[in-house]
Protein backbone atom coordinates (compact mmCIF):
# COMPACT_ATOMS: atom_id res chain seq x y z
CA MET A 1 -33.36 44.24 37.50
CA SER A 2 -32.82 40.82 35.97
CA VAL A 3 -34.50 37.65 37.26
CA GLN A 4 -31.11 36.50 38.48
CA VAL A 5 -30.57 39.58 40.68
CA TRP A 6 -34.12 39.43 42.05
CA THR A 7 -33.67 35.74 42.84
CA TRP A 8 -30.46 36.37 44.75
CA ILE A 9 -32.16 39.16 46.71
CA LEU A 10 -35.37 37.27 47.57
CA VAL A 11 -33.69 33.93 48.29
CA GLY A 12 -31.07 35.81 50.33
CA ILE A 13 -33.66 37.64 52.45
CA THR A 14 -35.78 34.53 53.08
CA PHE A 15 -32.74 32.42 53.97
CA ALA A 16 -31.41 35.08 56.34
CA LEU A 17 -34.83 34.95 58.02
CA TYR A 18 -34.76 31.13 58.33
CA PHE A 19 -31.23 31.11 59.74
CA GLY A 20 -32.06 33.91 62.17
CA ILE A 21 -35.01 31.89 63.44
CA ALA A 22 -32.96 28.69 63.70
CA ILE A 23 -30.35 30.46 65.85
CA TRP A 24 -33.01 32.19 67.98
CA ALA A 25 -34.83 28.90 68.64
CA ARG A 26 -31.82 26.71 69.45
CA ALA A 27 -32.79 23.47 71.18
CA GLY A 28 -31.44 23.01 74.69
CA SER A 29 -33.16 19.75 75.69
CA THR A 30 -34.35 16.59 73.93
CA LYS A 31 -37.94 17.79 74.50
CA ASP A 32 -37.10 20.99 72.58
CA PHE A 33 -35.35 18.94 69.93
CA TYR A 34 -38.17 16.39 69.43
CA VAL A 35 -41.39 18.35 70.06
CA ALA A 36 -40.38 22.04 70.43
CA GLY A 37 -40.90 21.85 74.20
CA GLY A 38 -44.61 21.13 73.66
CA GLY A 39 -45.53 24.83 73.84
CA VAL A 40 -46.39 25.91 70.29
CA SER A 41 -49.67 27.85 69.76
CA PRO A 42 -52.36 26.23 67.55
CA LEU A 43 -52.07 29.03 64.95
CA ALA A 44 -48.28 28.69 64.61
CA ASN A 45 -48.60 24.92 64.62
CA GLY A 46 -51.28 25.09 61.92
CA MET A 47 -48.97 27.11 59.67
CA ALA A 48 -45.97 24.92 60.43
CA THR A 49 -48.01 21.78 59.73
CA ALA A 50 -49.17 23.23 56.43
CA ALA A 51 -45.57 24.04 55.42
CA ASP A 52 -44.39 20.61 56.52
CA TRP A 53 -47.23 19.04 54.61
CA MET A 54 -46.91 21.04 51.37
CA SER A 55 -43.68 19.74 50.06
CA ALA A 56 -41.89 20.32 46.78
CA ALA A 57 -44.38 17.78 45.43
CA SER A 58 -47.34 20.02 46.28
CA PHE A 59 -45.65 23.25 45.27
CA ILE A 60 -43.58 22.27 42.23
CA SER A 61 -44.91 18.97 40.97
CA MET A 62 -48.60 18.71 41.64
CA ALA A 63 -49.78 21.46 39.30
CA GLY A 64 -47.25 20.16 36.75
CA LEU A 65 -48.72 16.66 36.95
CA ILE A 66 -52.27 17.99 36.68
CA SER A 67 -51.32 20.16 33.72
CA PHE A 68 -50.11 17.07 31.83
CA MET A 69 -52.56 14.47 33.15
CA GLY A 70 -55.65 16.68 33.11
CA TYR A 71 -58.57 15.03 34.83
CA ASP A 72 -56.42 12.06 35.90
CA GLY A 73 -54.32 14.38 38.05
CA SER A 74 -57.29 15.01 40.33
CA VAL A 75 -56.41 11.89 42.35
CA PHE A 76 -53.54 13.84 43.94
CA LEU A 77 -55.85 16.64 45.04
CA MET A 78 -58.49 14.33 46.49
CA GLY A 79 -56.06 11.92 48.09
CA TRP A 80 -53.75 14.41 49.73
CA THR A 81 -56.45 16.76 51.01
CA GLY A 82 -58.78 13.95 52.09
CA GLY A 83 -55.93 12.23 53.88
CA TYR A 84 -55.33 15.29 55.94
CA VAL A 85 -58.96 15.27 57.12
CA LEU A 86 -58.62 11.60 58.06
CA LEU A 87 -55.47 12.35 60.03
CA ALA A 88 -57.04 15.27 61.90
CA LEU A 89 -60.22 13.42 62.86
CA LEU A 90 -59.18 9.81 63.37
CA LEU A 91 -55.58 9.82 64.51
CA ALA A 92 -54.06 13.06 65.76
CA PRO A 93 -56.13 13.61 68.95
CA TYR A 94 -55.80 9.97 70.09
CA LEU A 95 -52.08 9.77 69.48
CA ARG A 96 -51.67 13.09 71.27
CA LYS A 97 -53.54 11.69 74.25
CA PHE A 98 -51.40 8.56 74.26
CA GLY A 99 -48.54 10.99 74.73
CA LYS A 100 -45.82 9.47 72.52
CA PHE A 101 -43.40 11.49 70.38
CA THR A 102 -43.03 9.18 67.41
CA VAL A 103 -44.99 6.58 65.52
CA PRO A 104 -42.52 3.78 66.38
CA ASP A 105 -42.83 4.87 70.02
CA PHE A 106 -46.62 4.51 69.88
CA ILE A 107 -46.38 1.15 68.13
CA GLY A 108 -43.68 -0.14 70.52
CA ASP A 109 -45.71 0.78 73.63
CA ARG A 110 -49.15 -0.10 72.32
CA TYR A 111 -47.93 -3.52 71.18
CA TYR A 112 -45.68 -3.96 74.25
CA SER A 113 -42.85 -5.25 72.11
CA ASN A 114 -39.45 -4.13 70.91
CA THR A 115 -39.83 -6.24 67.79
CA ALA A 116 -42.86 -4.17 66.80
CA ARG A 117 -40.90 -1.00 67.57
CA THR A 118 -37.98 -2.08 65.39
CA VAL A 119 -40.26 -3.03 62.47
CA ALA A 120 -41.91 0.40 62.80
CA VAL A 121 -38.51 2.14 62.80
CA ILE A 122 -37.54 0.31 59.60
CA CYS A 123 -40.86 1.28 57.95
CA ALA A 124 -40.42 4.91 59.08
CA LEU A 125 -36.95 5.02 57.54
CA ILE A 126 -38.10 3.47 54.24
CA VAL A 127 -41.06 5.90 53.95
CA SER A 128 -39.07 8.98 54.97
CA PHE A 129 -36.15 8.26 52.64
CA THR A 130 -38.46 7.66 49.67
CA TYR A 131 -40.17 10.95 50.44
CA VAL A 132 -37.06 13.00 51.11
CA ALA A 133 -35.52 11.86 47.80
CA GLY A 134 -38.30 13.75 46.04
CA GLN A 135 -37.68 16.89 48.12
CA MET A 136 -33.94 17.01 47.44
CA ARG A 137 -34.63 16.63 43.74
CA GLY A 138 -37.00 19.62 43.91
CA VAL A 139 -34.35 21.70 45.66
CA GLY A 140 -31.83 20.72 42.98
CA ILE A 141 -34.17 21.77 40.15
CA VAL A 142 -34.86 25.19 41.68
CA PHE A 143 -31.24 25.96 42.51
CA SER A 144 -29.99 24.78 39.13
CA GLN A 145 -32.36 27.02 37.19
CA PHE A 146 -32.19 30.18 39.26
CA LEU A 147 -28.57 30.15 40.35
CA GLN A 148 -27.55 28.76 36.96
CA VAL A 149 -25.64 25.85 38.50
CA ASP A 150 -25.65 22.13 37.79
CA ILE A 151 -28.52 20.12 39.42
CA THR A 152 -25.97 18.11 41.44
CA LEU A 153 -24.47 21.27 42.90
CA GLY A 154 -28.01 22.54 43.56
CA VAL A 155 -28.76 19.44 45.64
CA ILE A 156 -25.52 19.87 47.61
CA ILE A 157 -26.34 23.53 48.45
CA GLY A 158 -29.81 22.41 49.58
CA MET A 159 -28.28 19.72 51.81
CA ALA A 160 -26.06 22.25 53.54
CA VAL A 161 -28.98 24.62 54.22
CA VAL A 162 -31.26 21.94 55.71
CA LEU A 163 -28.41 20.69 57.86
CA VAL A 164 -28.13 24.09 59.54
CA PHE A 165 -31.84 24.35 60.50
CA ALA A 166 -32.22 20.80 61.66
CA PHE A 167 -28.87 20.66 63.42
CA LEU A 168 -29.30 23.80 65.47
CA GLY A 169 -32.92 23.92 66.40
CA GLY A 170 -34.36 20.43 66.11
CA MET A 171 -38.15 20.59 66.16
CA LYS A 172 -38.19 23.99 67.86
CA GLY A 173 -36.06 25.65 65.17
CA ILE A 174 -37.90 23.78 62.43
CA THR A 175 -41.37 24.77 63.71
CA TYR A 176 -40.74 28.51 63.65
CA THR A 177 -38.78 28.33 60.40
CA GLN A 178 -41.75 26.51 58.89
CA VAL A 179 -44.13 29.29 59.93
CA ALA A 180 -41.94 31.70 57.94
CA GLN A 181 -41.68 29.21 55.07
CA TYR A 182 -45.45 28.84 54.89
CA CYS A 183 -45.85 32.61 54.51
CA VAL A 184 -43.21 32.68 51.75
CA LEU A 185 -44.52 29.68 49.85
CA ILE A 186 -48.20 30.63 49.89
CA PHE A 187 -47.42 34.20 48.80
CA ALA A 188 -45.17 32.86 46.03
CA PHE A 189 -47.82 30.43 44.83
CA MET A 190 -50.74 32.88 44.87
CA VAL A 191 -49.22 36.05 43.39
CA PRO A 192 -48.54 34.59 39.91
CA ALA A 193 -51.93 32.83 40.04
CA PHE A 194 -53.73 36.16 40.61
CA PHE A 195 -51.77 37.85 37.81
CA ILE A 196 -52.28 35.08 35.26
CA SER A 197 -55.95 34.59 36.09
CA MET A 198 -56.51 38.32 35.60
CA GLN A 199 -54.51 38.25 32.33
CA MET A 200 -56.34 35.28 30.81
CA THR A 201 -59.91 35.54 32.12
CA GLY A 202 -60.25 39.01 33.60
CA ASN A 203 -61.03 37.46 36.99
CA ILE A 204 -58.49 37.89 39.78
CA ILE A 205 -59.54 34.79 41.74
CA PRO A 206 -57.85 31.81 40.03
CA GLN A 207 -60.41 29.26 41.27
CA ILE A 208 -63.17 31.24 39.50
CA GLY A 209 -60.97 32.17 36.54
CA MET A 210 -60.39 28.49 35.77
CA GLY A 211 -64.14 28.08 35.10
CA GLY A 212 -64.41 31.45 33.38
CA THR A 213 -64.31 32.54 29.75
CA VAL A 214 -61.38 33.86 27.71
CA GLU A 215 -61.37 36.86 25.31
CA ASP A 216 -63.41 35.30 22.51
CA GLY A 217 -66.14 34.17 24.93
CA THR A 218 -65.37 30.42 24.95
CA TYR A 219 -64.86 28.75 28.31
CA LEU A 220 -61.19 28.34 29.19
CA LEU A 221 -61.55 24.58 29.74
CA GLU A 222 -63.41 24.11 26.43
CA LYS A 223 -60.65 26.00 24.68
CA LEU A 224 -58.03 23.76 26.31
CA ASP A 225 -59.99 20.62 25.35
CA ALA A 226 -60.03 21.87 21.75
CA LEU A 227 -56.28 22.62 21.76
CA HIS A 228 -55.70 19.13 23.17
CA THR A 229 -57.77 17.27 20.62
CA GLN A 230 -56.16 19.20 17.74
CA LEU A 231 -52.77 17.99 18.94
CA GLY A 232 -53.94 14.39 19.30
CA PHE A 233 -54.08 14.27 23.12
CA ASN A 234 -57.10 13.01 25.08
CA GLU A 235 -59.55 15.73 26.05
CA TYR A 236 -58.11 17.55 29.05
CA THR A 237 -61.29 17.17 31.13
CA ASP A 238 -61.63 13.44 30.37
CA GLY A 239 -59.80 10.78 32.37
CA SER A 240 -58.05 7.70 31.01
CA LYS A 241 -57.76 5.79 34.32
CA SER A 242 -60.34 3.20 35.34
CA THR A 243 -62.71 4.14 38.18
CA TRP A 244 -61.16 1.44 40.35
CA ASP A 245 -57.64 2.77 39.82
CA VAL A 246 -58.73 6.34 40.62
CA PHE A 247 -60.33 5.02 43.81
CA ALA A 248 -57.26 2.92 44.72
CA ILE A 249 -54.77 5.76 44.20
CA THR A 250 -56.96 8.25 46.10
CA LEU A 251 -57.38 5.86 49.03
CA ALA A 252 -53.67 4.96 49.09
CA LEU A 253 -52.74 8.66 49.18
CA MET A 254 -55.36 9.31 51.88
CA VAL A 255 -54.39 6.58 54.32
CA GLY A 256 -50.74 7.08 53.44
CA THR A 257 -51.07 10.69 54.57
CA ALA A 258 -52.64 9.59 57.79
CA GLY A 259 -49.65 7.34 58.46
CA LEU A 260 -46.97 9.90 57.60
CA PRO A 261 -44.60 10.07 60.56
CA HIS A 262 -43.38 13.65 60.03
CA VAL A 263 -46.91 15.11 60.04
CA ILE A 264 -48.10 13.11 63.07
CA VAL A 265 -45.18 14.40 65.17
CA ARG A 266 -46.48 17.95 64.69
CA PHE A 267 -49.46 17.27 66.96
CA PHE A 268 -47.18 16.72 69.94
CA THR A 269 -45.82 20.24 69.79
CA VAL A 270 -48.99 21.85 71.23
CA PRO A 271 -49.90 21.98 74.95
CA LYS A 272 -53.33 20.20 74.95
CA VAL A 273 -55.39 17.66 73.01
CA LYS A 274 -57.88 20.46 72.25
CA ASP A 275 -55.04 22.46 70.65
CA ALA A 276 -54.12 19.45 68.50
CA ARG A 277 -57.65 19.49 67.06
CA LYS A 278 -57.57 23.27 66.58
CA SER A 279 -54.23 23.29 64.82
CA ALA A 280 -55.42 20.44 62.57
CA GLY A 281 -58.41 22.53 61.49
CA LEU A 282 -56.29 25.62 60.86
CA ALA A 283 -53.73 23.62 58.91
CA LEU A 284 -56.51 22.29 56.68
CA LEU A 285 -57.59 25.85 55.92
CA PHE A 286 -53.99 26.90 55.11
CA ILE A 287 -53.49 23.82 52.91
CA ALA A 288 -56.79 24.35 51.05
CA ILE A 289 -55.58 27.75 49.80
CA LEU A 290 -52.81 26.10 47.79
CA TYR A 291 -54.70 22.93 46.85
CA THR A 292 -57.72 24.69 45.37
CA THR A 293 -55.42 26.98 43.34
CA ALA A 294 -53.23 24.19 41.87
CA PRO A 295 -55.72 22.96 39.24
CA ALA A 296 -56.22 26.56 38.06
CA ILE A 297 -52.47 27.07 37.72
CA ALA A 298 -52.25 23.77 35.84
CA VAL A 299 -54.87 24.86 33.33
CA PHE A 300 -53.32 28.32 32.81
CA ALA A 301 -49.83 26.87 32.36
CA ARG A 302 -50.97 24.19 29.95
CA THR A 303 -52.91 26.64 27.78
CA ASN A 304 -50.05 29.16 27.76
CA LEU A 305 -47.48 26.48 26.93
CA ILE A 306 -49.45 25.14 23.96
CA GLU A 307 -50.24 28.62 22.65
CA THR A 308 -46.72 30.07 22.91
CA VAL A 309 -44.86 27.03 21.63
CA SER A 310 -46.92 24.72 19.43
CA ASN A 311 -46.36 25.16 15.70
CA ASN A 312 -44.26 28.30 16.17
CA PRO A 313 -40.84 28.64 14.57
CA TYR A 314 -38.05 27.92 17.06
CA LYS A 315 -36.38 31.21 16.14
CA GLU A 316 -39.38 33.09 17.54
CA VAL A 317 -39.71 31.23 20.84
CA PRO A 318 -39.63 33.45 23.93
CA GLU A 319 -36.56 33.84 26.13
CA TRP A 320 -37.85 31.55 28.90
CA PHE A 321 -37.84 28.56 26.56
CA LYS A 322 -34.11 28.90 25.92
CA ASN A 323 -33.36 29.47 29.62
CA TRP A 324 -35.04 26.22 30.56
CA GLU A 325 -33.45 24.45 27.61
CA ASN A 326 -30.10 25.13 29.26
CA THR A 327 -31.11 23.17 32.37
CA GLY A 328 -32.03 20.16 30.24
CA LEU A 329 -35.65 20.21 31.39
CA ILE A 330 -37.03 21.25 28.01
CA ALA A 331 -35.80 19.87 24.69
CA TRP A 332 -36.78 20.24 21.05
CA SER A 333 -35.63 18.13 18.12
CA ASP A 334 -36.63 19.22 14.65
CA LYS A 335 -37.72 15.86 13.23
CA ASN A 336 -39.32 17.09 10.00
CA GLY A 337 -36.80 19.87 9.39
CA ASP A 338 -39.32 22.72 9.03
CA GLY A 339 -37.84 24.81 11.88
CA LYS A 340 -41.20 24.78 13.71
CA ILE A 341 -41.98 23.12 17.04
CA GLN A 342 -44.50 20.30 16.51
CA TYR A 343 -46.08 19.43 19.84
CA VAL A 344 -48.34 16.37 19.57
CA ASN A 345 -49.20 13.29 21.57
CA GLY A 346 -46.34 10.81 21.95
CA SER A 347 -42.93 10.86 23.53
CA ALA A 348 -40.33 13.11 21.93
CA THR A 349 -37.30 11.36 23.42
CA GLU A 350 -36.55 7.96 24.87
CA GLY A 351 -36.26 8.72 28.60
CA LYS A 352 -34.57 11.99 29.51
CA PRO A 353 -33.12 13.92 26.56
CA LYS A 354 -29.37 13.48 26.13
CA TYR A 355 -27.80 16.63 24.71
CA THR A 356 -24.93 16.51 22.26
CA GLY A 357 -22.50 19.42 22.53
CA GLU A 358 -23.60 20.90 19.19
CA ARG A 359 -26.17 23.47 18.11
CA GLY A 360 -28.57 22.83 15.25
CA VAL A 361 -29.30 25.08 12.24
CA ASN A 362 -31.93 26.97 14.28
CA GLY A 363 -29.59 27.43 17.23
CA GLU A 364 -31.30 24.71 19.31
CA ARG A 365 -29.34 22.30 21.52
CA LEU A 366 -29.28 18.99 19.68
CA VAL A 367 -30.67 15.89 21.37
CA SER A 368 -29.30 12.45 20.55
CA ASN A 369 -32.06 10.13 21.75
CA ALA A 370 -35.07 11.45 19.84
CA SER A 371 -37.51 8.59 19.27
CA GLY A 372 -39.84 7.74 16.39
CA SER A 373 -43.03 9.63 17.34
CA GLU A 374 -44.12 12.85 15.60
CA ASN A 375 -43.77 14.86 18.81
CA GLU A 376 -40.74 17.17 18.80
CA LEU A 377 -41.05 18.75 22.25
CA TYR A 378 -39.93 17.30 25.58
CA VAL A 379 -41.10 19.12 28.73
CA ASP A 380 -40.23 17.95 32.22
CA ARG A 381 -43.44 18.14 34.28
CA ASP A 382 -41.64 19.52 37.30
CA ILE A 383 -41.00 22.86 35.62
CA MET A 384 -44.59 23.97 34.98
CA VAL A 385 -45.06 25.96 38.18
CA LEU A 386 -41.56 27.42 38.10
CA ALA A 387 -41.72 28.43 34.44
CA ASN A 388 -45.34 29.58 34.61
CA PRO A 389 -44.65 33.26 35.48
CA GLU A 390 -42.07 33.45 32.68
CA ILE A 391 -44.41 31.83 30.16
CA ALA A 392 -47.08 34.39 31.06
CA ASN A 393 -44.54 37.21 30.82
CA LEU A 394 -44.91 38.41 34.43
CA PRO A 395 -42.47 40.89 36.05
CA ASN A 396 -39.05 39.54 37.06
CA TRP A 397 -39.65 39.82 40.80
CA VAL A 398 -42.61 37.43 40.50
CA VAL A 399 -40.42 34.85 38.73
CA ALA A 400 -37.86 35.16 41.54
CA LEU A 401 -40.58 34.94 44.19
CA VAL A 402 -41.69 31.56 42.85
CA ALA A 403 -38.13 30.30 43.14
CA ALA A 404 -38.01 31.36 46.79
CA GLY A 405 -41.39 29.68 47.37
CA GLY A 406 -40.30 26.41 45.76
CA LEU A 407 -37.22 26.34 47.99
CA ALA A 408 -39.32 27.10 51.07
CA ALA A 409 -41.67 24.21 50.24
CA ALA A 410 -38.93 21.67 49.61
CA LEU A 411 -36.71 22.68 52.51
CA SER A 412 -39.48 22.80 55.13
CA THR A 413 -40.60 19.25 54.33
CA ALA A 414 -37.06 17.92 54.02
CA ALA A 415 -36.25 19.33 57.47
CA GLY A 416 -39.34 17.70 58.99
CA LEU A 417 -38.51 14.35 57.42
CA LEU A 418 -34.87 14.40 58.49
CA LEU A 419 -36.02 15.03 62.03
CA VAL A 420 -38.20 11.90 61.88
CA ILE A 421 -35.28 9.87 60.57
CA SER A 422 -32.97 11.08 63.34
CA THR A 423 -35.61 10.64 66.07
CA SER A 424 -36.29 7.09 64.92
CA ILE A 425 -32.63 6.29 65.31
CA SER A 426 -31.72 8.24 68.47
CA HIS A 427 -34.96 7.82 70.44
CA ASP A 428 -36.54 4.58 69.23
CA LEU A 429 -33.44 2.50 68.55
CA ILE A 430 -30.69 3.84 70.82
CA LYS A 431 -32.58 5.17 73.86
CA LYS A 432 -35.41 2.64 73.94
CA GLN A 433 -33.45 -0.47 73.00
CA ILE A 434 -29.68 -0.37 72.65
CA LYS A 435 -28.65 1.96 75.50
CA PRO A 436 -31.59 2.75 77.82
CA ASN A 437 -29.49 4.74 80.34
CA ILE A 438 -27.99 7.16 77.77
CA SER A 439 -27.75 10.75 79.07
CA GLU A 440 -29.83 13.60 77.64
CA LYS A 441 -26.65 15.07 76.10
CA GLY A 442 -25.72 11.74 74.56
CA GLU A 443 -29.17 11.35 73.03
CA LEU A 444 -29.03 14.85 71.51
CA LEU A 445 -25.61 14.07 70.05
CA ALA A 446 -26.91 10.79 68.58
CA ALA A 447 -29.86 12.67 67.06
CA ARG A 448 -27.55 15.22 65.43
CA ILE A 449 -25.15 12.59 64.08
CA SER A 450 -28.02 10.61 62.55
CA ILE A 451 -29.34 13.79 60.88
CA LEU A 452 -25.93 14.22 59.26
CA PHE A 453 -25.98 10.68 57.83
CA ALA A 454 -29.61 11.04 56.75
CA ILE A 455 -28.83 14.21 54.80
CA ILE A 456 -25.95 12.58 52.96
CA ILE A 457 -28.13 9.63 51.90
CA ALA A 458 -31.00 11.96 50.96
CA GLY A 459 -28.61 14.02 48.85
CA LEU A 460 -27.47 10.94 46.95
CA PHE A 461 -31.11 10.14 46.20
CA GLY A 462 -31.58 13.70 44.98
CA ILE A 463 -28.60 13.46 42.63
CA TYR A 464 -29.56 10.01 41.26
CA PRO A 465 -33.35 10.30 41.47
CA PRO A 466 -35.83 7.50 40.87
CA GLY A 467 -38.41 9.24 38.62
CA PHE A 468 -39.75 12.79 38.98
CA VAL A 469 -40.72 14.40 42.25
CA ALA A 470 -44.44 13.72 42.60
CA ALA A 471 -44.22 10.14 41.35
CA VAL A 472 -41.56 9.28 43.94
CA VAL A 473 -43.60 10.97 46.65
CA ALA A 474 -46.78 9.10 45.65
CA LEU A 475 -44.92 5.82 46.25
CA ALA A 476 -43.86 6.97 49.74
CA PHE A 477 -47.57 7.35 50.55
CA GLY A 478 -48.26 3.83 49.29
CA LEU A 479 -45.54 2.51 51.60
CA ALA A 480 -46.96 4.40 54.60
CA ALA A 481 -50.46 3.11 53.78
CA ALA A 482 -49.25 -0.47 53.50
CA SER A 483 -47.26 -0.46 56.75
CA PHE A 484 -48.24 2.07 59.44
CA PHE A 485 -51.84 2.94 58.92
CA PRO A 486 -53.42 -0.40 59.90
CA ALA A 487 -51.14 -0.76 62.95
CA ILE A 488 -52.04 2.73 64.20
CA ILE A 489 -55.76 2.59 63.48
CA LEU A 490 -56.24 -0.93 64.88
CA GLY A 491 -54.07 0.08 67.84
CA ILE A 492 -56.52 2.86 68.67
CA PHE A 493 -59.83 1.20 67.84
CA ASP A 494 -59.34 -2.54 68.40
CA LYS A 495 -58.63 -3.62 72.00
CA ARG A 496 -58.06 -7.23 70.99
CA MET A 497 -55.24 -6.29 68.57
CA ASN A 498 -51.97 -7.79 69.84
CA ARG A 499 -48.30 -7.63 68.99
CA GLN A 500 -48.22 -10.80 66.88
CA GLY A 501 -50.96 -9.42 64.64
CA ALA A 502 -49.41 -5.97 64.27
CA VAL A 503 -45.92 -7.24 63.46
CA ALA A 504 -47.18 -9.81 60.96
CA GLY A 505 -49.41 -7.20 59.27
CA MET A 506 -46.68 -4.56 58.95
CA ILE A 507 -44.13 -7.00 57.56
CA VAL A 508 -46.55 -8.50 55.02
CA GLY A 509 -47.91 -5.07 53.97
CA ILE A 510 -44.62 -3.29 53.36
CA THR A 511 -42.99 -6.33 51.69
CA LEU A 512 -45.89 -6.69 49.28
CA MET A 513 -45.78 -2.98 48.42
CA LEU A 514 -41.98 -3.01 47.90
CA ILE A 515 -42.13 -6.05 45.63
CA TYR A 516 -44.92 -4.54 43.56
CA MET A 517 -43.05 -1.24 43.27
CA VAL A 518 -39.87 -2.94 42.11
CA VAL A 519 -41.60 -5.20 39.60
CA TYR A 520 -44.08 -2.74 38.08
CA LYS A 521 -42.41 0.62 38.54
CA THR A 522 -38.64 0.39 38.57
CA GLY A 523 -37.73 -3.06 37.28
CA LEU A 524 -34.82 -4.92 38.80
CA ILE A 525 -31.82 -2.81 37.94
CA GLY A 526 -30.08 -4.26 34.91
CA VAL A 527 -32.05 -7.51 35.09
CA MET A 528 -35.52 -6.68 33.90
CA GLU A 529 -37.65 -3.78 32.71
CA PRO A 530 -40.73 -2.70 34.71
CA ARG A 531 -43.65 -4.97 33.74
CA PRO A 532 -46.27 -3.44 31.40
CA LYS A 533 -49.65 -2.03 32.38
CA GLU A 534 -51.50 -5.09 31.07
CA GLU A 535 -49.95 -7.20 33.83
CA TRP A 536 -51.04 -5.01 36.77
CA TRP A 537 -52.94 -6.93 39.45
CA PHE A 538 -56.68 -6.17 39.22
CA GLY A 539 -55.72 -3.23 36.98
CA THR A 540 -54.11 -1.39 39.91
CA SER A 541 -51.23 1.02 39.19
CA PRO A 542 -48.16 0.99 41.50
CA GLU A 543 -49.32 4.34 42.96
CA GLY A 544 -52.67 2.76 43.90
CA PHE A 545 -51.31 -0.57 45.09
CA GLY A 546 -50.88 0.75 48.64
CA THR A 547 -54.65 0.25 48.97
CA ILE A 548 -54.44 -3.48 48.25
CA ALA A 549 -51.34 -3.91 50.44
CA MET A 550 -53.17 -2.09 53.26
CA ILE A 551 -56.23 -4.36 53.00
CA VAL A 552 -53.97 -7.43 53.09
CA ASN A 553 -52.20 -5.94 56.15
CA VAL A 554 -55.52 -5.47 57.99
CA VAL A 555 -56.73 -9.00 57.16
CA VAL A 556 -53.45 -10.59 58.24
CA SER A 557 -53.34 -8.50 61.45
CA VAL A 558 -56.88 -9.37 62.49
CA ILE A 559 -56.60 -13.10 61.71
CA VAL A 560 -53.21 -13.50 63.44
CA SER A 561 -54.33 -11.50 66.51
CA ARG A 562 -57.46 -13.64 66.93
CA MET A 563 -55.40 -16.86 66.77
CA THR A 564 -52.88 -15.72 69.42
CA PRO A 565 -53.31 -14.72 73.11
CA GLU A 566 -55.00 -11.39 73.79
CA PRO A 567 -52.89 -8.38 74.91
CA PRO A 568 -52.26 -7.82 78.65
CA LYS A 569 -55.03 -6.12 80.69
CA VAL A 570 -52.90 -2.95 81.17
CA VAL A 571 -52.68 -2.40 77.42
CA GLN A 572 -56.41 -2.97 76.96
CA GLU A 573 -57.11 -0.37 79.66
CA ILE A 574 -54.82 2.16 77.93
CA VAL A 575 -56.70 1.63 74.65
CA GLU A 576 -60.03 2.19 76.46
CA ASP A 577 -58.60 5.31 78.08
CA ILE A 578 -57.28 6.92 74.87
CA ARG A 579 -60.81 7.09 73.48
CA ILE A 580 -62.57 8.53 76.55
CA PRO A 581 -62.24 12.31 76.79
CA SER A 582 -60.63 13.08 80.14
CA GLY A 583 -62.03 15.86 82.34
CA ALA A 584 -59.86 18.84 81.49
CA GLY A 585 -58.69 17.74 78.05
CA GLU A 586 -55.13 17.37 79.37
CA ALA A 587 -53.11 14.48 77.98
CA SER A 588 -53.07 11.76 80.63
CA HIS A 589 -49.72 10.22 81.49
CA HIS A 590 -49.16 6.59 82.39
């Protein structure tokens, strides 16, 4: 059967499963809607957390980034995995014991102030929207390639699907759907990795295969370094970033993870504090399976891409190349007219390739904005994982399986994020501030209406995306690092921390990060271009700037809190109490 038929079958089966679960786990109360009734087992919660955590950025983009950046891409692995450890050890158990559903809820109560709560809601919305934009884009890419539709239509289909899960089941529906999605995505990620590792190195375990030897006895990584240097790229295993920048990006991703609202919420869905710790440990294990495989997939894909394409005549390129060319995510322009694909260092096109309607002499789709460098090939990084099975010539069902996995990854995270957005609005703004006596039914309705609006906005971001998936997501982590992390961590470990300090810190941190992002990453639309690398502060890239913004946030918070009155005795007692293990490990209620 063709890839198309397999894709329809596999995506159809997995979606029927997700919808079935969403209908079975319909939410009846706000507690079901926000935290799945608080009765999820640690194993199920571990899987759901892993699915929530491994977004389209982990599944689709991360290996793609590593395959192009080589050693430099390791910051994503270290930052995202390390951040999870930080979250599990330093934050989850304490927040669980405090007994609040959402991050703004914790911040509002810990800093006894609605101003703090509102600032936290705004930060949660900024972080979640930046993050969800990346997910919708991922959904669009997968749908457009495998259902052969336009990316815009792909995003719209994705929006409709997420709406159904989130609308019906709230957190309860999402939790059990995510357990299913984890199983689909991990299977889809690992199967091609086993096949390709076996094919290239004779070793079925990709993590070992990556350090193994290929047919002629050279080490795979040495071979890739040689291919790279021949084409004028830096050696694959050498980094170009400064040590400080690697440190800054890794730290920003780590503390950004620990402040991610949609992951923190997961720890409220289990019965006890002990279960929160257990599910955190299990989730780490489930996440490690994918994260230790990603660099191997990156190396296999990169080697295969260079070997099948570089310096080969276009007329002989394999079928997959032309399929992806139709989506606009691969482009070739024959600059020297020899009919061969020259793939060297340098950018082939200015920005995204713009196709003219015509075909060239070799049958290629002509590109109008080819720039001056020698390089003739444009490859969008987000396609490496999806195209990998096709590049390695694997059976059609494997290709289709990866499509189903990519969708599972993007949709599970998008659903978790949309829930955070709707909870922030219905619970933290409406119930806690605007209309305290709203009925349970009214609050559920408000939550569902806000999900609807959130999906529409997220869809627009997916159709007009700022940059490719992982880059957008990395910035969301910087924003979370700059705003939430200090307020949460000081709230747990510093009794003297008061509302003036927390509010001042959050506002300064997120403003600084937003300004830096606009100036150095996106440029003011129509007014100025992003500023060049040479002008970065202390040589820090926008992805790593969250670290500096976070340090500024902490300094401002501490100084302001020491110059203003200390928090009320009650609050200080709560802070003491969060850190002392209570007798039975039950969450204590105040």
